[in-house]
Amino acid sequence: MQNRWVWQLGVLHDALERLDALAEQWQTTRDDLPADARPGTDAHDNALALHHAECWDALHDWATHGHTLTEINTAARRAPSPLALPPTVTAAPAADQTAPVHR
């Protein structure tokens, strides 16, 4: 475990919350646009550009710290699990030894 992971996960969590809030804000903004404000019109495109600009900071946090999730996953896969069964030793099959049977 790396000490920085806790901090980085906090940054990612905060960024995700900001993106969720911005997505809700965009839904409201889009719903409040005039009926003729379709994609390609200045009203729509300017509002969308503003929304995208507001998202950049949170997206930058994900671009910077998102690799932490892969690091944690890799470390978890390599770590011994207390739930895993210990490896068992199996006897190697004996060489073909046929002994005569005495009756």
N, C-alpha and C. Protein backbone atom coordinates (compact mmCIF):
# COMPACT_ATOMS: atom_id res chain seq x y z
N MET A 1 0.84 -1.18 0.00
CA MET A 1 0.00 0.00 0.00
C MET A 1 0.88 1.24 0.00
N GLN A 2 0.50 2.19 -0.80
CA GLN A 2 1.21 3.46 -0.88
C GLN A 2 0.46 4.50 -0.05
N ASN A 3 1.19 5.31 0.69
CA ASN A 3 0.56 6.34 1.51
C ASN A 3 -0.23 7.34 0.67
N ARG A 4 0.22 7.61 -0.53
CA ARG A 4 -0.44 8.61 -1.38
C ARG A 4 -1.78 8.14 -1.91
N TRP A 5 -2.05 6.85 -1.87
CA TRP A 5 -3.30 6.34 -2.43
C TRP A 5 -4.53 6.92 -1.75
N VAL A 6 -4.48 7.06 -0.44
CA VAL A 6 -5.64 7.60 0.28
C VAL A 6 -5.94 9.01 -0.20
N TRP A 7 -4.90 9.82 -0.31
CA TRP A 7 -5.09 11.19 -0.78
C TRP A 7 -5.59 11.20 -2.22
N GLN A 8 -4.97 10.38 -3.08
CA GLN A 8 -5.36 10.36 -4.49
C GLN A 8 -6.80 9.88 -4.66
N LEU A 9 -7.20 8.88 -3.89
CA LEU A 9 -8.59 8.42 -3.97
C LEU A 9 -9.55 9.53 -3.52
N GLY A 10 -9.14 10.31 -2.54
CA GLY A 10 -9.95 11.45 -2.11
C GLY A 10 -10.10 12.48 -3.22
N VAL A 11 -9.00 12.75 -3.93
CA VAL A 11 -9.04 13.70 -5.05
C VAL A 11 -9.99 13.18 -6.13
N LEU A 12 -9.89 11.90 -6.45
CA LEU A 12 -10.75 11.31 -7.47
C LEU A 12 -12.22 11.35 -7.05
N HIS A 13 -12.47 11.05 -5.79
CA HIS A 13 -13.84 11.07 -5.28
C HIS A 13 -14.43 12.48 -5.37
N ASP A 14 -13.66 13.47 -4.94
CA ASP A 14 -14.12 14.85 -5.01
C ASP A 14 -14.38 15.28 -6.46
N ALA A 15 -13.48 14.88 -7.36
CA ALA A 15 -13.64 15.23 -8.77
C ALA A 15 -14.90 14.59 -9.34
N LEU A 16 -15.16 13.36 -8.95
CA LEU A 16 -16.36 12.67 -9.43
C LEU A 16 -17.63 13.36 -8.91
N GLU A 17 -17.60 13.80 -7.66
CA GLU A 17 -18.75 14.53 -7.13
C GLU A 17 -18.97 15.85 -7.88
N ARG A 18 -17.87 16.54 -8.20
CA ARG A 18 -17.99 17.79 -8.96
C ARG A 18 -18.57 17.52 -10.35
N LEU A 19 -18.11 16.45 -11.00
CA LEU A 19 -18.63 16.11 -12.33
C LEU A 19 -20.12 15.75 -12.27
N ASP A 20 -20.51 15.02 -11.22
CA ASP A 20 -21.93 14.69 -11.06
C ASP A 20 -22.76 15.96 -10.89
N ALA A 21 -22.29 16.89 -10.06
CA ALA A 21 -23.01 18.15 -9.85
C ALA A 21 -23.07 18.95 -11.14
N LEU A 22 -21.98 18.98 -11.89
CA LEU A 22 -21.97 19.72 -13.16
C LEU A 22 -22.89 19.08 -14.19
N ALA A 23 -22.99 17.76 -14.16
CA ALA A 23 -23.90 17.07 -15.09
C ALA A 23 -25.35 17.43 -14.77
N GLU A 24 -25.68 17.48 -13.48
CA GLU A 24 -27.04 17.89 -13.09
C GLU A 24 -27.29 19.34 -13.49
N GLN A 25 -26.28 20.18 -13.29
CA GLN A 25 -26.41 21.59 -13.66
C GLN A 25 -26.63 21.73 -15.16
N TRP A 26 -25.92 20.92 -15.94
CA TRP A 26 -26.09 20.98 -17.40
C TRP A 26 -27.51 20.55 -17.79
N GLN A 27 -28.03 19.52 -17.14
CA GLN A 27 -29.40 19.09 -17.43
C GLN A 27 -30.38 20.24 -17.21
N THR A 28 -30.21 20.95 -16.10
CA THR A 28 -31.09 22.08 -15.80
C THR A 28 -30.91 23.20 -16.82
N THR A 29 -29.65 23.51 -17.12
CA THR A 29 -29.37 24.56 -18.11
C THR A 29 -29.97 24.21 -19.46
N ARG A 30 -29.78 22.97 -19.88
CA ARG A 30 -30.30 22.52 -21.18
C ARG A 30 -31.82 22.60 -21.20
N ASP A 31 -32.45 22.19 -20.10
CA ASP A 31 -33.91 22.24 -20.03
C ASP A 31 -34.44 23.68 -20.04
N ASP A 32 -33.63 24.62 -19.54
CA ASP A 32 -34.05 26.02 -19.47
C ASP A 32 -33.76 26.80 -20.76
N LEU A 33 -33.04 26.19 -21.69
CA LEU A 33 -32.76 26.88 -22.95
C LEU A 33 -34.05 27.07 -23.73
N PRO A 34 -34.11 28.11 -24.54
CA PRO A 34 -35.31 28.30 -25.39
C PRO A 34 -35.52 27.08 -26.29
N ALA A 35 -36.74 26.88 -26.70
CA ALA A 35 -37.10 25.71 -27.51
C ALA A 35 -36.31 25.67 -28.82
N ASP A 36 -35.93 26.83 -29.35
CA ASP A 36 -35.21 26.84 -30.63
C ASP A 36 -33.69 26.72 -30.44
N ALA A 37 -33.23 26.54 -29.21
CA ALA A 37 -31.79 26.40 -28.95
C ALA A 37 -31.39 24.93 -29.10
N ARG A 38 -31.16 24.56 -30.30
CA ARG A 38 -30.76 23.19 -30.63
C ARG A 38 -29.24 23.15 -30.80
N PRO A 39 -28.65 21.95 -30.79
CA PRO A 39 -27.21 21.86 -31.09
C PRO A 39 -26.91 22.53 -32.42
N GLY A 40 -25.87 23.35 -32.41
CA GLY A 40 -25.51 24.11 -33.60
C GLY A 40 -25.91 25.56 -33.52
N THR A 41 -26.80 25.88 -32.59
CA THR A 41 -27.18 27.28 -32.41
C THR A 41 -26.25 27.90 -31.36
N ASP A 42 -26.09 29.21 -31.42
CA ASP A 42 -25.20 29.89 -30.47
C ASP A 42 -25.64 29.69 -29.03
N ALA A 43 -26.92 29.78 -28.77
CA ALA A 43 -27.43 29.64 -27.39
C ALA A 43 -27.03 28.28 -26.81
N HIS A 44 -27.25 27.24 -27.57
CA HIS A 44 -26.93 25.89 -27.10
C HIS A 44 -25.43 25.68 -27.01
N ASP A 45 -24.73 26.01 -28.07
CA ASP A 45 -23.30 25.74 -28.12
C ASP A 45 -22.51 26.56 -27.11
N ASN A 46 -22.92 27.79 -26.85
CA ASN A 46 -22.23 28.59 -25.84
C ASN A 46 -22.45 28.03 -24.44
N ALA A 47 -23.68 27.58 -24.16
CA ALA A 47 -23.97 26.98 -22.85
C ALA A 47 -23.19 25.68 -22.68
N LEU A 48 -23.10 24.90 -23.74
CA LEU A 48 -22.36 23.64 -23.68
C LEU A 48 -20.86 23.90 -23.52
N ALA A 49 -20.34 24.90 -24.20
CA ALA A 49 -18.92 25.24 -24.07
C ALA A 49 -18.60 25.68 -22.64
N LEU A 50 -19.50 26.43 -22.03
CA LEU A 50 -19.31 26.84 -20.64
C LEU A 50 -19.31 25.63 -19.71
N HIS A 51 -20.24 24.72 -19.96
CA HIS A 51 -20.30 23.49 -19.16
C HIS A 51 -18.99 22.69 -19.30
N HIS A 52 -18.52 22.53 -20.51
CA HIS A 52 -17.26 21.80 -20.72
C HIS A 52 -16.09 22.49 -20.02
N ALA A 53 -16.05 23.81 -20.08
CA ALA A 53 -14.98 24.56 -19.43
C ALA A 53 -15.01 24.33 -17.91
N GLU A 54 -16.21 24.27 -17.34
CA GLU A 54 -16.32 24.04 -15.90
C GLU A 54 -15.90 22.62 -15.52
N CYS A 55 -15.95 21.69 -16.44
CA CYS A 55 -15.60 20.29 -16.16
C CYS A 55 -14.10 20.04 -16.22
N TRP A 56 -13.33 20.90 -16.88
CA TRP A 56 -11.92 20.63 -17.12
C TRP A 56 -11.12 20.37 -15.85
N ASP A 57 -11.36 21.12 -14.79
CA ASP A 57 -10.58 20.94 -13.57
C ASP A 57 -10.75 19.53 -13.00
N ALA A 58 -11.99 19.07 -12.94
CA ALA A 58 -12.25 17.72 -12.42
C ALA A 58 -11.69 16.66 -13.36
N LEU A 59 -11.81 16.88 -14.66
CA LEU A 59 -11.26 15.92 -15.62
C LEU A 59 -9.74 15.88 -15.54
N HIS A 60 -9.13 17.01 -15.27
CA HIS A 60 -7.68 17.06 -15.10
C HIS A 60 -7.27 16.22 -13.88
N ASP A 61 -8.03 16.32 -12.80
CA ASP A 61 -7.74 15.49 -11.63
C ASP A 61 -7.79 14.00 -11.98
N TRP A 62 -8.76 13.61 -12.77
CA TRP A 62 -8.86 12.20 -13.18
C TRP A 62 -7.70 11.81 -14.10
N ALA A 63 -7.33 12.71 -15.00
CA ALA A 63 -6.20 12.42 -15.90
C ALA A 63 -4.90 12.30 -15.11
N THR A 64 -4.77 13.08 -14.05
CA THR A 64 -3.55 13.08 -13.25
C THR A 64 -3.48 11.91 -12.29
N HIS A 65 -4.60 11.57 -11.65
CA HIS A 65 -4.57 10.58 -10.57
C HIS A 65 -5.33 9.29 -10.88
N GLY A 66 -5.94 9.19 -12.02
CA GLY A 66 -6.74 8.01 -12.35
C GLY A 66 -5.94 6.72 -12.37
N HIS A 67 -4.65 6.81 -12.67
CA HIS A 67 -3.80 5.61 -12.70
C HIS A 67 -3.72 4.94 -11.34
N THR A 68 -4.08 5.67 -10.30
CA THR A 68 -4.06 5.11 -8.95
C THR A 68 -4.94 3.87 -8.86
N LEU A 69 -6.06 3.88 -9.56
CA LEU A 69 -6.96 2.72 -9.52
C LEU A 69 -6.29 1.48 -10.09
N THR A 70 -5.51 1.64 -11.14
CA THR A 70 -4.80 0.48 -11.71
C THR A 70 -3.69 0.02 -10.76
N GLU A 71 -3.02 0.97 -10.13
CA GLU A 71 -1.98 0.60 -9.17
C GLU A 71 -2.56 -0.20 -8.01
N ILE A 72 -3.69 0.24 -7.49
CA ILE A 72 -4.32 -0.46 -6.38
C ILE A 72 -4.78 -1.85 -6.84
N ASN A 73 -5.36 -1.93 -8.01
CA ASN A 73 -5.80 -3.22 -8.53
C ASN A 73 -4.63 -4.18 -8.70
N THR A 74 -3.54 -3.69 -9.25
CA THR A 74 -2.35 -4.53 -9.45
C THR A 74 -1.81 -5.00 -8.11
N ALA A 75 -1.71 -4.09 -7.15
CA ALA A 75 -1.21 -4.47 -5.82
C ALA A 75 -2.12 -5.49 -5.16
N ALA A 76 -3.42 -5.32 -5.32
CA ALA A 76 -4.37 -6.25 -4.70
C ALA A 76 -4.26 -7.64 -5.34
N ARG A 77 -4.04 -7.69 -6.63
CA ARG A 77 -3.91 -8.98 -7.30
C ARG A 77 -2.64 -9.72 -6.91
N ARG A 78 -1.61 -8.96 -6.60
CA ARG A 78 -0.32 -9.57 -6.24
C ARG A 78 -0.22 -9.91 -4.77
N ALA A 79 -1.05 -9.30 -3.95
CA ALA A 79 -0.98 -9.53 -2.51
C ALA A 79 -1.56 -10.89 -2.16
N PRO A 80 -0.94 -11.56 -1.20
CA PRO A 80 -1.52 -12.83 -0.78
C PRO A 80 -2.86 -12.58 -0.08
N SER A 81 -3.80 -13.44 -0.36
CA SER A 81 -5.12 -13.27 0.21
C SER A 81 -5.28 -14.19 1.41
N PRO A 82 -5.79 -13.65 2.53
CA PRO A 82 -6.03 -14.51 3.67
C PRO A 82 -7.19 -15.48 3.41
N LEU A 83 -7.95 -15.23 2.37
CA LEU A 83 -9.07 -16.10 2.03
C LEU A 83 -8.67 -17.23 1.09
N ALA A 84 -7.52 -17.10 0.47
CA ALA A 84 -7.09 -18.11 -0.49
C ALA A 84 -6.58 -19.34 0.25
N LEU A 85 -6.87 -20.47 -0.29
CA LEU A 85 -6.36 -21.70 0.29
C LEU A 85 -4.86 -21.79 0.04
N PRO A 86 -4.13 -22.35 1.01
CA PRO A 86 -2.69 -22.50 0.78
C PRO A 86 -2.45 -23.49 -0.34
N PRO A 87 -1.37 -23.31 -1.06
CA PRO A 87 -1.09 -24.26 -2.14
C PRO A 87 -0.91 -25.66 -1.56
N THR A 88 -1.45 -26.61 -2.27
CA THR A 88 -1.31 -28.00 -1.80
C THR A 88 -0.23 -28.68 -2.60
N VAL A 89 0.43 -29.58 -1.91
CA VAL A 89 1.48 -30.36 -2.57
C VAL A 89 0.84 -31.67 -2.98
N THR A 90 0.93 -31.96 -4.25
CA THR A 90 0.39 -33.22 -4.73
C THR A 90 1.55 -34.14 -5.05
N ALA A 91 1.36 -35.35 -4.71
CA ALA A 91 2.41 -36.33 -4.97
C ALA A 91 2.53 -36.54 -6.47
N ALA A 92 3.76 -36.61 -6.89
CA ALA A 92 3.99 -36.87 -8.30
C ALA A 92 3.57 -38.30 -8.59
N PRO A 93 2.98 -38.52 -9.74
CA PRO A 93 2.57 -39.89 -10.06
C PRO A 93 3.80 -40.79 -10.10
N ALA A 94 3.64 -41.93 -9.50
CA ALA A 94 4.75 -42.88 -9.46
C ALA A 94 5.04 -43.39 -10.86
N ALA A 95 6.29 -43.69 -11.07
CA ALA A 95 6.66 -44.25 -12.36
C ALA A 95 5.93 -45.57 -12.53
N ASP A 96 5.77 -45.99 -13.71
CA ASP A 96 5.03 -47.22 -13.98
C ASP A 96 5.77 -48.39 -13.37
N GLN A 97 5.39 -48.71 -12.16
CA GLN A 97 6.03 -49.82 -11.44
C GLN A 97 4.99 -50.89 -11.26
N THR A 98 5.12 -51.90 -12.00
CA THR A 98 4.21 -53.04 -11.83
C THR A 98 4.97 -54.14 -11.16
N ALA A 99 4.54 -54.45 -9.99
CA ALA A 99 5.19 -55.54 -9.23
C ALA A 99 4.35 -56.79 -9.41
N PRO A 100 5.02 -57.89 -9.51
CA PRO A 100 4.26 -59.13 -9.65
C PRO A 100 3.47 -59.40 -8.36
N VAL A 101 2.31 -59.90 -8.54
CA VAL A 101 1.45 -60.21 -7.41
C VAL A 101 1.70 -61.66 -7.03
N HIS A 102 1.93 -61.91 -5.77
CA HIS A 102 2.13 -63.27 -5.29
C HIS A 102 0.85 -63.74 -4.65
N ARG A 103 0.44 -64.93 -5.04
CA ARG A 103 -0.76 -65.49 -4.46
C ARG A 103 -0.44 -66.64 -3.60
